[in-house]
N, C-alpha and C. Protein backbone atom coordinates (compact mmCIF):
# COMPACT_ATOMS: atom_id res chain seq x y z
N MET A 1 -7.97 -1.45 21.74
CA MET A 1 -7.96 -0.74 20.37
C MET A 1 -6.99 -0.26 19.85
N ILE A 2 -6.70 -0.08 18.59
CA ILE A 2 -6.35 0.50 17.74
C ILE A 2 -6.78 1.86 17.02
N GLU A 3 -5.88 2.96 17.07
CA GLU A 3 -6.44 4.01 16.39
C GLU A 3 -5.45 4.41 15.16
N LEU A 4 -6.19 3.91 14.02
CA LEU A 4 -5.55 4.93 12.65
C LEU A 4 -5.70 5.99 12.95
N TYR A 5 -4.41 6.46 12.03
CA TYR A 5 -4.28 7.57 11.33
C TYR A 5 -3.68 7.48 10.02
N THR A 6 -5.01 8.50 9.21
CA THR A 6 -4.57 7.86 7.89
C THR A 6 -5.08 8.25 6.69
N ALA A 7 -4.78 8.71 5.21
CA ALA A 7 -5.57 9.33 4.10
C ALA A 7 -6.02 8.41 3.46
N PRO A 8 -6.35 8.51 1.98
CA PRO A 8 -6.90 7.73 1.23
C PRO A 8 -5.96 7.42 0.19
N THR A 9 -4.81 7.16 0.52
CA THR A 9 -3.59 6.65 -0.57
C THR A 9 -3.02 5.41 -0.41
N PRO A 10 -2.42 5.05 -1.18
CA PRO A 10 -1.97 3.09 -1.35
C PRO A 10 -1.20 3.03 -0.39
N ASN A 11 -0.29 3.96 0.34
CA ASN A 11 0.50 3.65 1.97
C ASN A 11 -0.48 3.89 3.07
N GLY A 12 -1.51 4.67 3.05
CA GLY A 12 -2.70 4.52 4.22
C GLY A 12 -3.52 3.20 4.04
N ARG A 13 -4.27 2.88 2.72
CA ARG A 13 -4.86 1.76 2.46
C ARG A 13 -4.02 0.50 2.98
N LYS A 14 -2.91 0.46 2.88
CA LYS A 14 -1.90 -0.76 3.51
C LYS A 14 -2.49 -1.36 4.72
N VAL A 15 -2.82 -0.34 5.51
CA VAL A 15 -2.78 -0.27 7.01
C VAL A 15 -4.31 -0.85 7.45
N SER A 16 -5.13 -0.10 6.85
CA SER A 16 -6.33 -0.21 6.89
C SER A 16 -6.84 -1.51 6.32
N ILE A 17 -6.39 -2.09 5.36
CA ILE A 17 -7.02 -3.28 4.48
C ILE A 17 -6.31 -4.23 5.68
N ALA A 18 -4.77 -4.32 6.10
CA ALA A 18 -4.42 -5.26 6.99
C ALA A 18 -5.26 -5.02 8.32
N LEU A 19 -5.84 -4.04 8.68
CA LEU A 19 -6.66 -4.14 10.09
C LEU A 19 -8.07 -4.84 9.16
N GLU A 20 -8.31 -4.95 8.85
CA GLU A 20 -9.63 -5.17 8.23
C GLU A 20 -9.24 -6.73 7.96
N GLU A 21 -8.52 -7.21 7.42
CA GLU A 21 -8.11 -8.76 6.90
C GLU A 21 -7.65 -9.14 8.32
N PHE A 22 -6.94 -8.42 9.37
CA PHE A 22 -6.58 -9.11 10.46
C PHE A 22 -8.09 -9.12 11.90
N GLY A 23 -9.24 -8.70 11.08
CA GLY A 23 -10.27 -8.22 11.67
C GLY A 23 -10.04 -8.24 13.20
N VAL A 24 -9.57 -6.89 13.87
CA VAL A 24 -9.39 -6.40 14.98
C VAL A 24 -10.32 -5.20 15.03
N ALA A 25 -10.68 -4.57 16.10
CA ALA A 25 -11.13 -3.22 16.57
C ALA A 25 -10.31 -2.13 16.29
N TYR A 26 -10.58 -1.06 15.73
CA TYR A 26 -10.13 -0.31 15.10
C TYR A 26 -10.66 1.18 15.09
N SER A 27 -10.27 2.31 15.34
CA SER A 27 -10.95 3.57 14.67
C SER A 27 -10.21 4.54 13.84
N VAL A 28 -11.25 4.84 13.10
CA VAL A 28 -10.09 6.00 12.01
C VAL A 28 -9.78 7.46 12.54
N LYS A 29 -8.92 8.21 12.23
CA LYS A 29 -9.08 9.81 12.12
C LYS A 29 -8.45 9.74 10.65
N ALA A 30 -9.33 10.75 9.87
CA ALA A 30 -8.17 10.69 8.93
C ALA A 30 -7.46 12.16 8.94
N VAL A 31 -6.56 12.28 8.42
CA VAL A 31 -5.22 13.26 8.51
C VAL A 31 -5.57 13.93 7.05
N ASP A 32 -5.84 15.05 6.63
CA ASP A 32 -5.82 15.90 5.70
C ASP A 32 -5.22 16.62 5.30
N LEU A 33 -4.01 15.80 4.44
CA LEU A 33 -3.32 16.01 3.77
C LEU A 33 -2.95 17.32 3.12
N GLN A 34 -3.69 17.64 2.26
CA GLN A 34 -4.12 19.02 1.30
C GLN A 34 -4.42 20.36 2.23
N LYS A 35 -4.23 20.10 3.97
CA LYS A 35 -4.48 20.82 4.76
C LYS A 35 -3.33 21.28 5.90
N ASN A 36 -1.93 20.01 5.09
CA ASN A 36 -0.97 19.93 5.75
C ASN A 36 -1.06 19.66 7.45
N GLU A 37 -2.29 18.51 7.69
CA GLU A 37 -2.49 18.51 8.98
C GLU A 37 -1.36 17.67 9.79
N GLN A 38 -0.80 16.59 8.31
CA GLN A 38 0.29 15.91 9.08
C GLN A 38 1.71 17.24 9.50
N PHE A 39 1.87 17.99 9.25
CA PHE A 39 2.68 19.01 10.20
C PHE A 39 2.24 19.24 11.53
N GLU A 40 0.92 19.28 11.59
CA GLU A 40 0.75 19.74 12.95
C GLU A 40 1.81 18.47 14.31
N PRO A 41 2.07 19.94 14.98
CA PRO A 41 2.72 19.25 16.16
C PRO A 41 2.44 17.89 16.71
N ASP A 42 0.97 17.77 17.05
CA ASP A 42 0.69 16.24 17.54
C ASP A 42 0.98 15.08 16.98
N PHE A 43 0.31 15.76 15.30
CA PHE A 43 0.58 14.46 14.66
C PHE A 43 2.55 14.12 14.41
N LEU A 44 3.18 14.93 14.68
CA LEU A 44 4.56 14.87 14.57
C LEU A 44 4.95 14.40 15.76
N GLU A 45 4.58 14.08 16.44
CA GLU A 45 5.25 13.52 17.70
C GLU A 45 4.74 12.13 17.60
N MET A 46 3.62 11.67 16.77
CA MET A 46 3.53 10.05 16.39
C MET A 46 4.24 9.76 15.07
N SER A 47 4.31 10.72 14.62
CA SER A 47 5.43 10.73 12.87
C SER A 47 6.31 11.47 12.52
N PRO A 48 7.58 11.45 13.40
CA PRO A 48 8.32 12.43 12.94
C PRO A 48 8.52 12.56 11.50
N ASN A 49 8.12 11.72 10.76
CA ASN A 49 8.67 11.75 8.97
C ASN A 49 7.42 12.54 8.28
N ASN A 50 6.59 12.83 9.33
CA ASN A 50 5.38 13.63 8.72
C ASN A 50 4.63 12.86 7.78
N LYS A 51 4.53 11.68 8.10
CA LYS A 51 3.73 10.62 7.16
C LYS A 51 2.82 9.52 7.68
N ILE A 52 1.79 9.73 6.69
CA ILE A 52 0.59 8.66 7.25
C ILE A 52 1.09 7.36 6.79
N PRO A 53 0.57 6.06 6.98
CA PRO A 53 -0.30 5.66 8.18
C PRO A 53 0.97 6.16 9.64
N VAL A 54 -0.01 6.03 10.72
CA VAL A 54 0.21 5.94 12.12
C VAL A 54 -0.79 5.12 12.89
N ILE A 55 -0.27 4.33 13.63
CA ILE A 55 -0.87 3.73 14.41
C ILE A 55 -1.07 4.15 15.87
N PHE A 56 -2.02 3.86 16.46
CA PHE A 56 -1.59 3.97 18.25
C PHE A 56 -2.44 2.71 18.83
N ASP A 57 -1.97 1.91 19.22
CA ASP A 57 -2.20 1.05 19.86
C ASP A 57 -2.44 0.75 21.52
N SER A 58 -3.58 0.75 22.05
CA SER A 58 -3.19 0.85 23.60
C SER A 58 -2.74 -0.32 24.27
N ASP A 59 -2.73 -1.52 23.70
CA ASP A 59 -1.69 -2.27 24.04
C ASP A 59 -0.17 -2.41 24.14
N ARG A 60 0.26 -1.45 23.38
CA ARG A 60 1.19 -1.26 23.04
C ARG A 60 1.95 0.15 23.94
N GLY A 61 0.50 1.43 24.00
CA GLY A 61 1.11 2.18 24.38
C GLY A 61 1.54 3.30 23.87
N SER A 62 2.14 3.12 23.12
CA SER A 62 2.94 4.26 22.04
C SER A 62 2.58 4.02 20.63
N ALA A 63 2.69 5.16 20.13
CA ALA A 63 2.58 5.27 18.03
C ALA A 63 3.70 4.27 17.29
N LEU A 64 3.26 3.96 16.14
CA LEU A 64 4.03 3.40 15.33
C LEU A 64 3.84 4.08 14.12
N ALA A 65 4.84 4.66 13.54
CA ALA A 65 4.60 5.10 11.76
C ALA A 65 5.49 3.85 11.41
N GLU A 66 5.31 4.44 9.48
CA GLU A 66 6.24 3.70 8.89
C GLU A 66 5.08 2.84 8.40
N SER A 67 4.27 2.35 7.26
CA SER A 67 3.75 1.58 6.90
C SER A 67 3.98 -0.09 6.97
N GLY A 68 5.63 0.05 6.38
CA GLY A 68 5.98 -1.63 6.45
C GLY A 68 6.17 -2.21 8.03
N ALA A 69 6.53 -1.11 8.84
CA ALA A 69 6.72 -1.40 10.34
C ALA A 69 5.73 -2.22 10.87
N ILE A 70 4.46 -1.01 10.56
CA ILE A 70 3.24 -1.20 11.00
C ILE A 70 2.51 -2.39 10.91
N LEU A 71 2.67 -3.19 9.26
CA LEU A 71 2.31 -4.38 8.67
C LEU A 71 2.89 -5.59 9.52
N ILE A 72 4.26 -5.46 9.73
CA ILE A 72 5.06 -6.68 10.30
C ILE A 72 4.59 -6.22 11.81
N TYR A 73 4.03 -5.31 12.43
CA TYR A 73 3.76 -5.28 13.98
C TYR A 73 2.47 -6.17 14.22
N LEU A 74 1.44 -5.80 13.19
CA LEU A 74 0.56 -6.57 13.47
C LEU A 74 0.38 -7.95 12.68
N ALA A 75 1.47 -8.56 12.09
CA ALA A 75 1.58 -9.77 11.83
C ALA A 75 2.25 -10.32 13.13
N GLU A 76 3.14 -10.09 13.54
CA GLU A 76 3.76 -10.43 14.77
C GLU A 76 2.70 -10.64 15.43
N LYS A 77 2.21 -9.39 16.08
CA LYS A 77 0.84 -9.17 17.22
C LYS A 77 -0.16 -10.35 16.88
N TYR A 78 -0.35 -10.45 15.91
CA TYR A 78 -1.80 -11.47 15.78
C TYR A 78 -1.14 -13.02 14.91
N GLY A 79 -0.13 -13.04 14.94
CA GLY A 79 0.31 -14.54 14.12
C GLY A 79 -0.49 -14.41 12.90
N ALA A 80 -0.49 -14.05 12.21
CA ALA A 80 -1.31 -14.10 10.92
C ALA A 80 -0.85 -13.33 9.39
N PHE A 81 -0.96 -14.07 8.46
CA PHE A 81 -0.51 -13.48 7.41
C PHE A 81 1.12 -13.34 7.36
N TRP A 82 1.44 -14.28 7.22
CA TRP A 82 3.17 -14.02 7.27
C TRP A 82 3.55 -15.26 5.64
N GLY A 83 2.50 -15.79 4.95
CA GLY A 83 2.93 -16.25 3.53
C GLY A 83 2.91 -18.28 4.25
N GLU A 84 3.86 -18.40 3.35
CA GLU A 84 4.55 -19.68 3.90
C GLU A 84 5.99 -19.38 3.97
N ASP A 85 6.68 -18.02 4.04
CA ASP A 85 7.97 -17.67 4.05
C ASP A 85 8.36 -16.70 4.45
N ARG A 86 8.54 -16.41 6.05
CA ARG A 86 8.24 -15.61 6.60
C ARG A 86 9.75 -14.33 6.05
N LEU A 87 10.67 -14.57 5.56
CA LEU A 87 11.89 -13.83 5.38
C LEU A 87 11.39 -13.70 3.91
N GLU A 88 10.62 -14.61 2.70
CA GLU A 88 10.29 -14.05 1.80
C GLU A 88 9.30 -12.90 2.02
N THR A 89 8.53 -12.98 2.72
CA THR A 89 7.38 -11.85 2.89
C THR A 89 8.07 -10.79 3.55
N ILE A 90 8.54 -10.69 3.88
CA ILE A 90 9.64 -9.44 4.61
C ILE A 90 10.22 -9.01 3.29
N GLN A 91 10.75 -9.89 2.41
CA GLN A 91 11.51 -9.36 1.25
C GLN A 91 10.87 -8.79 0.25
N TRP A 92 9.47 -9.63 -0.23
CA TRP A 92 8.99 -8.40 -0.92
C TRP A 92 8.35 -7.39 -0.31
N LEU A 93 7.75 -7.27 1.34
CA LEU A 93 7.31 -6.25 1.53
C LEU A 93 8.25 -4.99 1.60
N MET A 94 9.73 -5.37 1.69
CA MET A 94 10.75 -4.58 1.60
C MET A 94 11.12 -3.99 -0.06
N TRP A 95 10.47 -5.23 -0.96
CA TRP A 95 10.22 -4.58 -2.09
C TRP A 95 9.48 -3.27 -2.67
N GLN A 96 8.74 -3.77 -2.27
CA GLN A 96 7.64 -2.43 -2.09
C GLN A 96 7.92 -0.99 -1.45
N MET A 97 8.04 -1.15 -0.20
CA MET A 97 8.46 -0.26 0.54
C MET A 97 9.92 0.89 -0.49
N GLY A 98 10.92 0.51 -0.79
CA GLY A 98 12.41 0.59 -1.14
C GLY A 98 12.20 0.86 -2.77
N GLY A 99 11.22 0.05 -3.61
CA GLY A 99 11.19 0.24 -5.05
C GLY A 99 9.68 0.63 -5.58
N LEU A 100 9.03 -0.22 -5.75
CA LEU A 100 7.96 -0.23 -6.38
C LEU A 100 6.87 1.18 -5.84
N GLY A 101 6.83 1.53 -4.60
CA GLY A 101 5.65 2.78 -3.83
C GLY A 101 6.52 3.80 -3.83
N PRO A 102 7.76 4.08 -4.37
CA PRO A 102 8.83 4.86 -4.41
C PRO A 102 8.91 5.35 -6.23
N MET A 103 8.80 4.51 -6.63
CA MET A 103 8.94 4.87 -8.13
C MET A 103 7.82 4.94 -8.84
N LEU A 104 6.30 4.84 -8.35
CA LEU A 104 5.13 4.82 -8.64
C LEU A 104 4.74 5.72 -8.50
N GLY A 105 5.27 6.15 -7.08
CA GLY A 105 4.68 7.60 -6.63
C GLY A 105 5.55 9.04 -7.81
N GLN A 106 6.74 8.51 -8.14
CA GLN A 106 7.16 9.69 -8.78
C GLN A 106 6.65 9.55 -10.19
N VAL A 107 6.21 8.71 -11.25
CA VAL A 107 5.13 8.28 -11.99
C VAL A 107 3.49 9.45 -12.00
N HIS A 108 3.31 9.05 -10.29
CA HIS A 108 2.23 9.78 -10.26
C HIS A 108 2.28 12.01 -10.29
N TYR A 109 3.36 12.04 -9.44
CA TYR A 109 4.05 13.01 -9.41
C TYR A 109 4.36 13.81 -10.48
N PHE A 110 5.21 13.03 -11.67
CA PHE A 110 5.36 13.71 -12.82
C PHE A 110 4.54 13.51 -13.60
N SER A 111 3.86 12.50 -14.30
CA SER A 111 3.24 12.08 -15.61
C SER A 111 1.66 12.53 -14.87
N ARG A 112 1.01 12.39 -13.89
CA ARG A 112 -0.35 12.43 -13.31
C ARG A 112 -0.63 14.32 -13.01
N TYR A 113 0.59 14.43 -12.26
CA TYR A 113 -0.12 15.87 -11.63
C TYR A 113 0.81 17.17 -12.12
N ASN A 114 1.93 16.77 -13.15
CA ASN A 114 2.76 17.64 -13.93
C ASN A 114 3.32 17.34 -15.36
N SER A 115 2.23 16.66 -15.73
CA SER A 115 2.43 15.87 -17.51
C SER A 115 3.34 17.45 -18.17
N GLY A 116 4.24 16.98 -18.67
CA GLY A 116 4.80 17.89 -20.04
C GLY A 116 5.94 18.83 -19.01
N LYS A 117 5.76 18.82 -17.78
CA LYS A 117 7.31 19.72 -17.22
C LYS A 117 8.66 19.13 -17.48
N SER A 118 8.62 18.01 -17.39
CA SER A 118 9.76 16.88 -17.71
C SER A 118 9.92 15.90 -18.37
N VAL A 119 10.26 15.71 -19.58
CA VAL A 119 10.25 14.63 -20.23
C VAL A 119 10.94 14.02 -20.04
N TYR A 120 12.27 14.07 -19.49
CA TYR A 120 12.73 13.21 -18.87
C TYR A 120 12.07 12.27 -17.45
N ALA A 121 11.48 12.83 -16.85
CA ALA A 121 11.25 12.27 -15.41
C ALA A 121 10.35 11.35 -16.18
N GLU A 122 9.36 11.79 -16.72
CA GLU A 122 8.15 11.02 -17.23
C GLU A 122 8.76 9.56 -17.77
N GLU A 123 9.79 9.90 -18.62
CA GLU A 123 10.33 8.72 -19.30
C GLU A 123 10.85 7.88 -18.44
N ARG A 124 11.78 8.07 -17.39
CA ARG A 124 12.37 7.56 -16.51
C ARG A 124 11.79 6.64 -15.31
N PHE A 125 10.81 7.42 -14.82
CA PHE A 125 10.18 6.86 -14.14
C PHE A 125 8.92 5.70 -14.83
N LYS A 126 8.63 6.40 -15.77
CA LYS A 126 7.67 5.16 -16.68
C LYS A 126 8.16 4.12 -17.16
N ASN A 127 9.74 3.88 -17.22
CA ASN A 127 9.95 3.05 -17.69
C ASN A 127 10.82 2.07 -16.39
N GLU A 128 10.51 2.48 -15.21
CA GLU A 128 11.14 2.06 -14.12
C GLU A 128 10.08 1.41 -13.59
N ALA A 129 9.01 2.05 -13.88
CA ALA A 129 7.53 1.59 -13.26
C ALA A 129 6.98 0.26 -14.66
N LEU A 130 7.48 0.36 -15.58
CA LEU A 130 7.07 -1.11 -16.10
C LEU A 130 8.06 -1.65 -16.27
N ARG A 131 9.24 -1.92 -15.48
CA ARG A 131 10.50 -2.79 -15.14
C ARG A 131 9.87 -3.40 -14.12
N LEU A 132 9.66 -2.31 -12.94
CA LEU A 132 8.76 -3.13 -11.62
C LEU A 132 7.50 -4.10 -12.05
N TYR A 133 6.82 -3.75 -12.82
CA TYR A 133 5.59 -4.61 -13.16
C TYR A 133 6.04 -6.10 -13.68
N LYS A 134 7.10 -5.78 -14.41
CA LYS A 134 7.49 -7.23 -14.96
C LYS A 134 7.96 -8.01 -13.91
N VAL A 135 9.05 -7.53 -13.12
CA VAL A 135 9.42 -8.12 -11.69
C VAL A 135 8.46 -8.96 -10.88
N LEU A 136 7.18 -7.98 -11.00
CA LEU A 136 5.55 -8.84 -10.23
C LEU A 136 4.76 -9.52 -11.60
N GLU A 137 5.16 -9.48 -12.75
CA GLU A 137 4.65 -10.13 -13.52
C GLU A 137 5.33 -11.83 -13.31
N GLY A 138 6.57 -11.87 -13.26
CA GLY A 138 7.60 -12.89 -13.42
C GLY A 138 7.07 -13.60 -12.34
N VAL A 139 7.17 -12.77 -10.87
CA VAL A 139 7.06 -13.80 -9.70
C VAL A 139 5.52 -14.34 -9.76
N LEU A 140 4.54 -13.65 -9.81
CA LEU A 140 3.36 -14.42 -10.01
C LEU A 140 2.61 -15.45 -10.90
N SER A 141 4.14 -15.20 -12.02
CA SER A 141 3.84 -16.55 -13.16
C SER A 141 3.87 -17.67 -12.75
N VAL A 142 4.48 -17.79 -11.21
CA VAL A 142 4.88 -19.03 -10.61
C VAL A 142 4.25 -19.51 -9.57
N ARG A 143 3.57 -18.23 -9.04
CA ARG A 143 2.93 -18.41 -7.45
C ARG A 143 1.60 -17.57 -7.36
N GLU A 144 0.60 -18.19 -6.60
CA GLU A 144 -0.72 -17.27 -6.50
C GLU A 144 -0.35 -16.04 -5.90
N PHE A 145 0.59 -16.17 -4.91
CA PHE A 145 0.70 -14.71 -4.36
C PHE A 145 1.85 -14.74 -3.77
N LEU A 146 2.62 -13.31 -3.16
CA LEU A 146 3.91 -13.01 -3.53
C LEU A 146 4.94 -13.78 -2.46
N SER A 147 4.14 -14.47 -1.39
CA SER A 147 4.60 -15.37 -0.66
C SER A 147 4.31 -16.97 -0.92
N HIS A 148 3.48 -17.44 -1.67
CA HIS A 148 3.38 -18.75 -1.90
C HIS A 148 1.20 -18.47 -1.53
N SER A 149 1.41 -17.49 -0.29
CA SER A 149 0.08 -17.70 0.28
C SER A 149 0.13 -16.17 0.89
N TYR A 150 -1.36 -15.55 0.64
CA TYR A 150 -1.61 -14.15 0.73
C TYR A 150 -1.17 -13.71 2.02
N SER A 151 -0.40 -12.39 2.30
CA SER A 151 0.42 -12.60 3.21
C SER A 151 0.35 -10.65 3.35
N ILE A 152 0.92 -10.19 4.25
CA ILE A 152 0.92 -8.51 4.28
C ILE A 152 2.07 -8.42 2.99
N ALA A 153 2.95 -8.84 2.55
CA ALA A 153 3.50 -8.49 1.13
C ALA A 153 2.37 -7.95 -0.13
N ASP A 154 1.19 -8.84 0.40
CA ASP A 154 0.40 -8.55 -1.19
C ASP A 154 -0.65 -7.43 -0.55
N MET A 155 -0.58 -7.13 0.67
CA MET A 155 -1.11 -6.14 1.47
C MET A 155 -0.78 -4.79 0.90
N ALA A 156 0.66 -5.02 0.65
CA ALA A 156 1.54 -3.70 0.73
C ALA A 156 1.58 -3.62 -0.71
N VAL A 157 1.77 -4.48 -1.56
CA VAL A 157 1.95 -4.04 -3.08
C VAL A 157 0.19 -4.01 -3.94
N TRP A 158 -0.33 -4.71 -3.27
CA TRP A 158 -1.78 -4.19 -3.76
C TRP A 158 -2.20 -2.61 -4.07
N PRO A 159 -2.50 -1.98 -3.32
CA PRO A 159 -2.92 -0.21 -3.14
C PRO A 159 -2.03 0.03 -4.01
N TRP A 160 -1.25 -0.09 -4.33
CA TRP A 160 -0.01 0.64 -5.28
C TRP A 160 -0.52 0.45 -6.69
N ILE A 161 -0.96 -1.24 -6.83
CA ILE A 161 -1.28 -1.54 -8.39
C ILE A 161 -2.82 -1.12 -8.59
N SER A 162 -3.27 -0.78 -7.45
CA SER A 162 -4.69 -0.15 -7.78
C SER A 162 -4.79 0.72 -8.48
N ARG A 163 -3.63 1.77 -8.26
CA ARG A 163 -3.54 3.16 -9.20
C ARG A 163 -2.91 3.02 -10.53
N PHE A 164 -3.04 1.83 -11.21
CA PHE A 164 -2.44 1.63 -12.31
C PHE A 164 -2.61 2.37 -13.79
N GLU A 165 -4.28 3.07 -13.46
CA GLU A 165 -4.89 3.87 -14.50
C GLU A 165 -4.18 5.16 -14.17
N TRP A 166 -3.42 5.51 -12.77
CA TRP A 166 -2.79 6.76 -12.93
C TRP A 166 -1.76 6.69 -13.46
N GLN A 167 -0.84 5.46 -13.62
CA GLN A 167 0.67 4.97 -14.05
C GLN A 167 0.84 4.69 -15.74
N GLY A 168 -0.57 4.94 -16.10
CA GLY A 168 -1.04 4.41 -17.60
C GLY A 168 -0.50 2.76 -17.79
N ILE A 169 -0.62 2.12 -17.00
CA ILE A 169 -0.41 0.89 -17.36
C ILE A 169 -1.92 0.10 -17.94
N ASP A 170 -1.58 -0.86 -18.92
CA ASP A 170 -2.85 -1.64 -19.19
C ASP A 170 -2.61 -2.72 -18.32
N LEU A 171 -3.39 -3.20 -17.58
CA LEU A 171 -3.52 -4.04 -17.04
C LEU A 171 -3.52 -5.87 -17.76
N ASN A 172 -4.22 -5.41 -18.62
CA ASN A 172 -4.36 -6.83 -19.30
C ASN A 172 -2.99 -7.36 -20.03
N GLU A 173 -1.97 -6.49 -19.96
CA GLU A 173 -0.94 -6.55 -20.63
C GLU A 173 0.17 -7.41 -19.60
N PHE A 174 -0.30 -7.44 -18.13
CA PHE A 174 0.11 -8.35 -17.36
C PHE A 174 -0.89 -9.39 -16.76
N PRO A 175 -1.04 -10.80 -17.55
CA PRO A 175 -2.08 -11.13 -17.03
C PRO A 175 -1.89 -11.84 -15.82
N ASN A 176 -0.98 -12.39 -15.08
CA ASN A 176 -0.53 -12.63 -13.67
C ASN A 176 -0.89 -12.01 -12.56
N ILE A 177 -0.54 -10.78 -13.05
CA ILE A 177 -0.96 -9.37 -12.22
C ILE A 177 -2.20 -9.27 -12.05
N LEU A 178 -2.90 -9.32 -13.72
CA LEU A 178 -4.47 -8.90 -13.41
C LEU A 178 -4.97 -9.91 -12.42
N LEU A 179 -4.80 -11.61 -12.44
CA LEU A 179 -5.50 -12.18 -11.70
C LEU A 179 -4.89 -12.12 -10.13
N TRP A 180 -4.42 -11.80 -9.90
CA TRP A 180 -3.71 -11.08 -8.63
C TRP A 180 -4.72 -10.53 -8.37
N TYR A 181 -4.63 -9.50 -9.28
CA TYR A 181 -5.24 -8.16 -8.63
C TYR A 181 -6.69 -8.20 -8.62
N MET A 182 -7.31 -9.10 -9.41
CA MET A 182 -8.95 -9.55 -9.30
C MET A 182 -9.21 -10.12 -8.12
N LYS A 183 -8.40 -11.18 -7.91
CA LYS A 183 -8.68 -12.11 -6.67
C LYS A 183 -8.69 -11.23 -5.05
N ILE A 184 -7.73 -10.27 -5.27
CA ILE A 184 -7.61 -9.29 -4.03
C ILE A 184 -8.63 -8.52 -3.97
N SER A 185 -9.04 -7.98 -5.46
CA SER A 185 -9.61 -7.15 -4.81
C SER A 185 -11.32 -7.43 -4.66
N GLU A 186 -11.58 -8.92 -4.78
CA GLU A 186 -12.99 -9.45 -4.48
C GLU A 186 -13.13 -9.90 -2.94
N ARG A 187 -11.54 -9.76 -2.43
CA ARG A 187 -11.61 -9.77 -0.85
C ARG A 187 -12.73 -8.80 -0.02
N PRO A 188 -13.81 -9.45 0.69
CA PRO A 188 -14.06 -8.05 1.53
C PRO A 188 -13.60 -7.13 2.25
N ALA A 189 -12.21 -8.07 3.32
CA ALA A 189 -11.65 -6.74 3.64
C ALA A 189 -11.04 -5.89 2.92
N VAL A 190 -10.44 -6.02 2.22
CA VAL A 190 -9.91 -5.49 1.22
C VAL A 190 -10.89 -4.67 0.49
N VAL A 191 -12.13 -4.66 0.39
CA VAL A 191 -12.66 -3.78 -0.25
C VAL A 191 -13.32 -2.68 0.88
N ARG A 192 -13.41 -3.24 2.34
CA ARG A 192 -13.88 -2.48 3.37
C ARG A 192 -12.39 -1.56 3.42
N GLY A 193 -11.24 -2.12 3.73
CA GLY A 193 -10.24 -1.16 3.78
C GLY A 193 -10.04 -0.31 2.90
N TYR A 194 -10.31 -0.44 1.74
CA TYR A 194 -10.08 0.53 0.35
C TYR A 194 -10.75 1.64 0.77
N ASP A 195 -12.20 1.83 1.46
CA ASP A 195 -12.98 3.19 1.80
C ASP A 195 -12.82 3.45 2.82
N GLN A 196 -11.33 3.38 3.65
CA GLN A 196 -11.05 3.99 4.83
C GLN A 196 -10.18 5.75 4.25
N PRO A 197 -9.91 6.25 5.24
CA PRO A 197 -10.78 6.68 6.07
C PRO A 197 -11.98 7.22 5.62
N PHE A 198 -12.75 7.13 4.23
CA PHE A 198 -13.50 7.27 3.86
C PHE A 198 -13.92 7.22 2.18
N PHE A 199 -15.03 6.89 2.08
CA PHE A 199 -15.01 6.73 0.43
C PHE A 199 -14.49 7.68 -0.75
N VAL A 200 -13.42 7.73 -1.58
CA VAL A 200 -13.12 8.09 -2.72
C VAL A 200 -13.75 7.76 -3.70
N ASN A 201 -13.64 6.30 -4.05
CA ASN A 201 -13.79 6.06 -5.54
C ASN A 201 -14.22 4.75 -5.21
N LYS A 202 -14.94 3.92 -6.15
CA LYS A 202 -14.97 2.22 -5.96
C LYS A 202 -13.14 1.61 -6.51
N ILE A 203 -13.16 0.50 -6.32
CA ILE A 203 -11.71 0.01 -6.56
C ILE A 203 -11.93 -0.13 -8.00
N PRO A 204 -10.53 0.63 -8.77
CA PRO A 204 -10.60 0.42 -9.95
C PRO A 204 -10.28 -0.92 -10.78
N LEU A 205 -11.11 -1.11 -11.85
CA LEU A 205 -10.81 -2.16 -12.70
C LEU A 205 -10.72 -2.14 -14.15
N PRO A 206 -9.56 -3.07 -14.54
CA PRO A 206 -9.44 -2.85 -15.81
C PRO A 206 -10.88 -3.17 -16.84
């Protein structure tokens, strides 16, 4: 049994979607970020960086933090969702971890939650978000999924794109992303994983 400690954020949904896709048994513990539960001593023992998600796998006998590491662990353990090229899958996973996620997170912070406080920051991160969307659009213009077949890289990227409204992005301006997004949105495992650790809203659709 795998225990998942998470919250309904893009990083959290990466792992709940993956667990559903792998079809493994798991339980869910909601971590209330608004109440700073991620700073409690018991949680910090599992995640020293005080971030969700975290898994505790009884087979492993210890906790594992950082969503990208968790996705790699699950793909290695269950031997699936590596796409057609393992290293290319890791490449796009790292792209999400080092670029797309952090930059879109800054768009959320400055444009959604602190609009008008720093025009420079809003413009800087919105422009970077658009650049990254263009990168993704280009890749998906020549292949169906990031590593040709559906992989953990798609599972990592999709939850961040699912907040396109927060980012002020019109997915209709990115037809290849839109096709990819809608295709993944219809996967039953994605629908179930999106609603973990509890239902917040339906999957946003353009």
